[in-house]
C-alpha atoms as a PDB file:
ATOM      1  CA  MET A   1      18.911   4.556  14.636  1.00  0.00           C
ATOM      2  CA  THR A   2      17.075   6.371  17.346  1.00  0.00           C
ATOM      3  CA  ASN A   3      13.547   5.424  18.092  1.00  0.00           C
ATOM      4  CA  ASN A   4      10.680   6.767  20.317  1.00  0.00           C
ATOM      5  CA  VAL A   5      12.234  10.428  19.965  1.00  0.00           C
ATOM      6  CA  GLY A   6       9.932  12.765  21.756  1.00  0.00           C
ATOM      7  CA  SER A   7       7.554   9.838  22.999  1.00  0.00           C
ATOM      8  CA  PRO A   8       5.628  10.516  26.140  1.00  0.00           C
ATOM      9  CA  HIS A   9       5.136   6.706  26.062  1.00  0.00           C
ATOM     10  CA  PHE A  10       8.388   5.165  25.502  1.00  0.00           C
ATOM     11  CA  PRO A  11      11.900   5.912  26.415  1.00  0.00           C
ATOM     12  CA  GLU A  12      14.204   6.836  23.410  1.00  0.00           C
ATOM     13  CA  GLU A  13      16.197   3.883  22.494  1.00  0.00           C
ATOM     14  CA  HIS A  14      19.508   3.595  20.303  1.00  0.00           C
ATOM     15  CA  LYS A  15      20.157   0.864  17.869  1.00  0.00           C
ATOM     16  CA  ILE A  16      22.964   0.245  15.351  1.00  0.00           C
ATOM     17  CA  LEU A  17      23.361  -1.986  12.531  1.00  0.00           C
ATOM     18  CA  CYS A  18      26.696  -2.285  10.891  1.00  0.00           C
ATOM     19  CA  THR A  19      28.335  -4.395   7.798  1.00  0.00           C
ATOM     20  CA  ASP A  20      31.383  -4.546   5.962  1.00  0.00           C
ATOM     21  CA  GLY A  21      30.104  -6.873   3.284  1.00  0.00           C
ATOM     22  CA  ARG A  22      31.432 -10.127   4.969  1.00  0.00           C
ATOM     23  CA  GLN A  23      30.087  -9.633   8.496  1.00  0.00           C
ATOM     24  CA  THR A  24      26.803  -7.950   9.669  1.00  0.00           C
ATOM     25  CA  CYS A  25      26.481  -7.050  13.354  1.00  0.00           C
ATOM     26  CA  SER A  26      23.796  -5.386  15.300  1.00  0.00           C
ATOM     27  CA  TRP A  27      23.403  -3.731  18.717  1.00  0.00           C
ATOM     28  CA  TRP A  28      20.348  -2.503  20.738  1.00  0.00           C
ATOM     29  CA  GLN A  29      20.581  -0.363  23.851  1.00  0.00           C
ATOM     30  CA  SER A  30      17.876  -2.335  25.788  1.00  0.00           C
ATOM     31  CA  ASN A  31      19.905  -5.406  25.167  1.00  0.00           C
ATOM     32  CA  PRO A  32      23.419  -4.258  25.054  1.00  0.00           C
ATOM     33  CA  GLN A  33      25.291  -7.032  23.326  1.00  0.00           C
ATOM     34  CA  ILE A  34      26.793  -7.291  19.703  1.00  0.00           C
ATOM     35  CA  ILE A  35      24.687  -9.665  17.735  1.00  0.00           C
ATOM     36  CA  THR A  36      26.299 -11.071  14.548  1.00  0.00           C
ATOM     37  CA  ASN A  37      23.666 -11.734  11.629  1.00  0.00           C
ATOM     38  CA  ARG A  38      23.667 -14.485   9.197  1.00  0.00           C
ATOM     39  CA  ASP A  39      23.926 -12.038   6.546  1.00  0.00           C
ATOM     40  CA  VAL A  40      22.987  -8.275   5.458  1.00  0.00           C
ATOM     41  CA  PHE A  41      19.627  -9.353   4.433  1.00  0.00           C
ATOM     42  CA  SER A  42      19.022 -10.860   7.909  1.00  0.00           C
ATOM     43  CA  GLY A  43      20.424  -7.842   9.551  1.00  0.00           C
ATOM     44  CA  ILE A  44      18.356  -5.576   7.468  1.00  0.00           C
ATOM     45  CA  SER A  45      14.966  -7.693   7.984  1.00  0.00           C
ATOM     46  CA  GLY A  46      15.550  -7.679  11.811  1.00  0.00           C
ATOM     47  CA  PHE A  47      15.642  -3.791  11.651  1.00  0.00           C
ATOM     48  CA  THR A  48      12.619  -3.590   9.259  1.00  0.00           C
ATOM     49  CA  GLY A  49       9.543  -3.730  11.830  1.00  0.00           C
ATOM     50  CA  ILE A  50      11.189  -1.839  14.607  1.00  0.00           C
ATOM     51  CA  SER A  51      12.235   1.070  12.141  1.00  0.00           C
ATOM     52  CA  GLY A  52       8.691   1.496  10.756  1.00  0.00           C
ATOM     53  CA  ARG A  53      10.410   0.053   7.339  1.00  0.00           C
ATOM     54  CA  ALA A  54      13.195   2.532   7.174  1.00  0.00           C
ATOM     55  CA  ALA A  55      15.953   0.087   7.440  1.00  0.00           C
ATOM     56  CA  HIS A  56      15.326  -1.247   3.948  1.00  0.00           C
ATOM     57  CA  ASN A  57      14.434   1.942   2.143  1.00  0.00           C
ATOM     58  CA  ILE A  58      17.892   3.070   0.774  1.00  0.00           C
ATOM     59  CA  PRO A  59      19.272  -0.538   0.691  1.00  0.00           C
ATOM     60  CA  SER A  60      16.460  -1.776  -1.480  1.00  0.00           C
ATOM     61  CA  LEU A  61      17.083   0.986  -4.065  1.00  0.00           C
ATOM     62  CA  LEU A  62      20.594  -0.275  -4.354  1.00  0.00           C
ATOM     63  CA  GLN A  63      19.992  -4.160  -4.414  1.00  0.00           C
ATOM     64  CA  THR A  64      16.402  -5.199  -4.983  1.00  0.00           C
ATOM     65  CA  ASN A  65      16.727  -8.339  -2.599  1.00  0.00           C
ATOM     66  CA  PHE A  66      17.430  -6.047   0.427  1.00  0.00           C
ATOM     67  CA  GLY A  67      13.669  -5.137   0.289  1.00  0.00           C
ATOM     68  CA  TRP A  68      10.453  -6.771  -0.020  1.00  0.00           C
ATOM     69  CA  GLN A  69       6.794  -6.081  -0.339  1.00  0.00           C
ATOM     70  CA  GLU A  70       7.150  -2.439  -1.148  1.00  0.00           C
ATOM     71  CA  TYR A  71       9.949  -0.048  -2.702  1.00  0.00           C
ATOM     72  CA  LEU A  72      10.145   3.497  -2.890  1.00  0.00           C
ATOM     73  CA  TYR A  73      10.498   3.461  -6.745  1.00  0.00           C
ATOM     74  CA  ASP A  74       6.923   1.782  -6.821  1.00  0.00           C
ATOM     75  CA  ILE A  75       4.970   4.223  -4.814  1.00  0.00           C
ATOM     76  CA  SER A  76       1.503   4.906  -6.240  1.00  0.00           C
ATOM     77  CA  SER A  77      -0.100   8.081  -6.882  1.00  0.00           C
ATOM     78  CA  PRO A  78       3.037  10.129  -6.934  1.00  0.00           C
ATOM     79  CA  ARG A  79       2.896  13.986  -6.940  1.00  0.00           C
ATOM     80  CA  VAL A  80       5.345  16.741  -6.598  1.00  0.00           C
ATOM     81  CA  LEU A  81       4.911  18.768  -3.503  1.00  0.00           C
ATOM     82  CA  ARG A  82       6.234  22.306  -3.004  1.00  0.00           C
ATOM     83  CA  ASP A  83      10.277  22.618  -2.683  1.00  0.00           C
ATOM     84  CA  ARG A  84      11.685  23.129   0.829  1.00  0.00           C
ATOM     85  CA  VAL A  85      14.880  23.433   2.474  1.00  0.00           C
ATOM     86  CA  PHE A  86      16.250  20.493   4.918  1.00  0.00           C
ATOM     87  CA  ASN A  87      19.465  20.822   6.749  1.00  0.00           C
ATOM     88  CA  LYS A  88      20.593  23.575   4.535  1.00  0.00           C
ATOM     89  CA  THR A  89      19.817  21.581   1.424  1.00  0.00           C
ATOM     90  CA  ALA A  90      17.268  22.774  -1.142  1.00  0.00           C
ATOM     91  CA  CYS A  91      15.154  19.766  -1.845  1.00  0.00           C
ATOM     92  CA  TYR A  92      12.510  18.484  -4.269  1.00  0.00           C
ATOM     93  CA  ARG A  93       9.693  16.696  -2.513  1.00  0.00           C
ATOM     94  CA  ILE A  94       7.719  13.809  -3.674  1.00  0.00           C
ATOM     95  CA  GLN A  95       4.704  12.274  -1.910  1.00  0.00           C
ATOM     96  CA  GLY A  96       3.127   9.040  -2.851  1.00  0.00           C
ATOM     97  CA  LYS A  97       1.072   6.208  -1.461  1.00  0.00           C
ATOM     98  CA  GLY A  98       2.204   2.661  -0.184  1.00  0.00           C
ATOM     99  CA  ARG A  99       0.682  -0.327   0.855  1.00  0.00           C
ATOM    100  CA  GLY A 100      -1.095  -0.761   4.285  1.00  0.00           C
ATOM    101  CA  ASN A 101      -2.325   2.939   4.111  1.00  0.00           C
ATOM    102  CA  ARG A 102       1.086   4.387   4.296  1.00  0.00           C
ATOM    103  CA  GLN A 103       2.130   7.551   2.999  1.00  0.00           C
ATOM    104  CA  TYR A 104       5.626   8.347   1.858  1.00  0.00           C
ATOM    105  CA  GLU A 105       7.173  11.965   1.475  1.00  0.00           C
ATOM    106  CA  ILE A 106      10.850  11.833  -0.111  1.00  0.00           C
ATOM    107  CA  TRP A 107      13.155  14.679   0.023  1.00  0.00           C
ATOM    108  CA  ILE A 108      15.804  14.861  -2.591  1.00  0.00           C
ATOM    109  CA  GLY A 109      18.624  17.179  -2.832  1.00  0.00           C
ATOM    110  CA  LYS A 110      18.132  19.731  -5.804  1.00  0.00           C
ATOM    111  CA  SER A 111      21.952  19.908  -6.388  1.00  0.00           C
ATOM    112  CA  ASP A 112      23.164  16.401  -5.719  1.00  0.00           C
ATOM    113  CA  HIS A 113      19.813  14.210  -6.175  1.00  0.00           C
ATOM    114  CA  PHE A 114      20.702  12.372  -2.870  1.00  0.00           C
ATOM    115  CA  ILE A 115      17.773  11.262  -0.763  1.00  0.00           C
ATOM    116  CA  ARG A 116      17.913  13.448   2.491  1.00  0.00           C
ATOM    117  CA  LYS A 117      14.701  12.558   4.258  1.00  0.00           C
ATOM    118  CA  ILE A 118      11.966   9.929   4.117  1.00  0.00           C
ATOM    119  CA  GLN A 119       8.795  10.541   6.126  1.00  0.00           C
ATOM    120  CA  THR A 120       6.532   7.490   6.252  1.00  0.00           C
ATOM    121  CA  THR A 121       2.895   8.177   7.842  1.00  0.00           C
ATOM    122  CA  TYR A 122       1.042   5.365   8.932  1.00  0.00           C
ATOM    123  CA  PRO A 123      -2.643   5.521  10.058  1.00  0.00           C
ATOM    124  CA  ASP A 124      -1.655   6.157  13.697  1.00  0.00           C
ATOM    125  CA  PHE A 125       2.297   7.211  13.852  1.00  0.00           C
ATOM    126  CA  TYR A 126       4.927   8.292  11.442  1.00  0.00           C
ATOM    127  CA  VAL A 127       8.755   7.490  11.004  1.00  0.00           C
ATOM    128  CA  GLU A 128      11.363   9.981   9.622  1.00  0.00           C
ATOM    129  CA  GLU A 129      14.404   8.689   8.144  1.00  0.00           C
ATOM    130  CA  ILE A 130      17.266  11.127   8.032  1.00  0.00           C
ATOM    131  CA  HIS A 131      20.371  10.930   5.819  1.00  0.00           C
ATOM    132  CA  GLU A 132      22.951  13.648   6.626  1.00  0.00           C
ATOM    133  CA  ASN A 133      27.000  14.107   6.281  1.00  0.00           C
ATOM    134  CA  ILE A 134      26.608  12.373   3.062  1.00  0.00           C
ATOM    135  CA  ALA A 135      30.237  11.901   1.504  1.00  0.00           C
ATOM    136  CA  VAL A 136      31.035  10.735  -1.976  1.00  0.00           C
ATOM    137  CA  ASP A 137      34.216   9.414  -3.695  1.00  0.00           C
ATOM    138  CA  ARG A 138      36.145   9.370  -0.018  1.00  0.00           C
ATOM    139  CA  PRO A 139      38.148   6.671   1.078  1.00  0.00           C
ATOM    140  CA  ILE A 140      36.626   4.642   4.098  1.00  0.00           C
ATOM    141  CA  ALA A 141      38.720   3.334   6.836  1.00  0.00           C
ATOM    142  CA  GLY A 142      38.188  -0.198   7.365  1.00  0.00           C
ATOM    143  CA  ASP A 143      37.820   0.123  11.000  1.00  0.00           C
ATOM    144  CA  ILE A 144      34.778   2.290  10.647  1.00  0.00           C
ATOM    145  CA  PHE A 145      33.070  -1.098  10.151  1.00  0.00           C
ATOM    146  CA  THR A 146      33.993  -2.399  13.397  1.00  0.00           C
ATOM    147  CA  LEU A 147      30.850  -1.999  15.580  1.00  0.00           C
ATOM    148  CA  THR A 148      31.906  -0.572  18.939  1.00  0.00           C
ATOM    149  CA  PRO A 149      28.877   0.111  20.940  1.00  0.00           C
ATOM    150  CA  PRO A 150      28.560   3.327  23.073  1.00  0.00           C
ATOM    151  CA  LYS A 151      28.945   2.895  26.684  1.00  0.00           C
ATOM    152  CA  SER A 152      26.031   5.208  27.306  1.00  0.00           C
ATOM    153  CA  SER A 153      22.781   6.605  25.640  1.00  0.00           C
ATOM    154  CA  GLU A 154      24.329   9.880  25.250  1.00  0.00           C
ATOM    155  CA  GLU A 155      27.270   8.462  23.244  1.00  0.00           C
ATOM    156  CA  ALA A 156      24.610   6.560  21.168  1.00  0.00           C
ATOM    157  CA  ALA A 157      22.801   9.753  20.525  1.00  0.00           C
ATOM    158  CA  ARG A 158      26.048  11.165  18.953  1.00  0.00           C
ATOM    159  CA  LYS A 159      26.455   8.355  16.660  1.00  0.00           C
END
């Protein structure tokens, strides 16, 4: 996760949350040490506020106890917006309201129905959650779940 992108007030900061289903770890650039979380839920909840709730949007669609207070499938006043292309993928766009004056815009790939982008707009800021390089039905090497923090902020930006 990259926070404060383009902010004139705060430096860009990188954060990582990783789990293999047995162990959940996190790393923050501002406090560069690997933290082991009690469980996946604790890791996600620890990232919820700093991510503008983006950390639990997709996980809570897959397992309901990974979210709380609000779920994307439960937005109010949903409406379909004009289709757009995001990262070379034609997308449907759905807009709806959440609690606390939040407004959601969800971009869904027309060909595969994967969520490509979620923009959450608050009264005084917004958060963009971007999903790219989505791979399906491919083996995943176990070492990908071993958290190896970047040595520099340039490396973190490439993760």
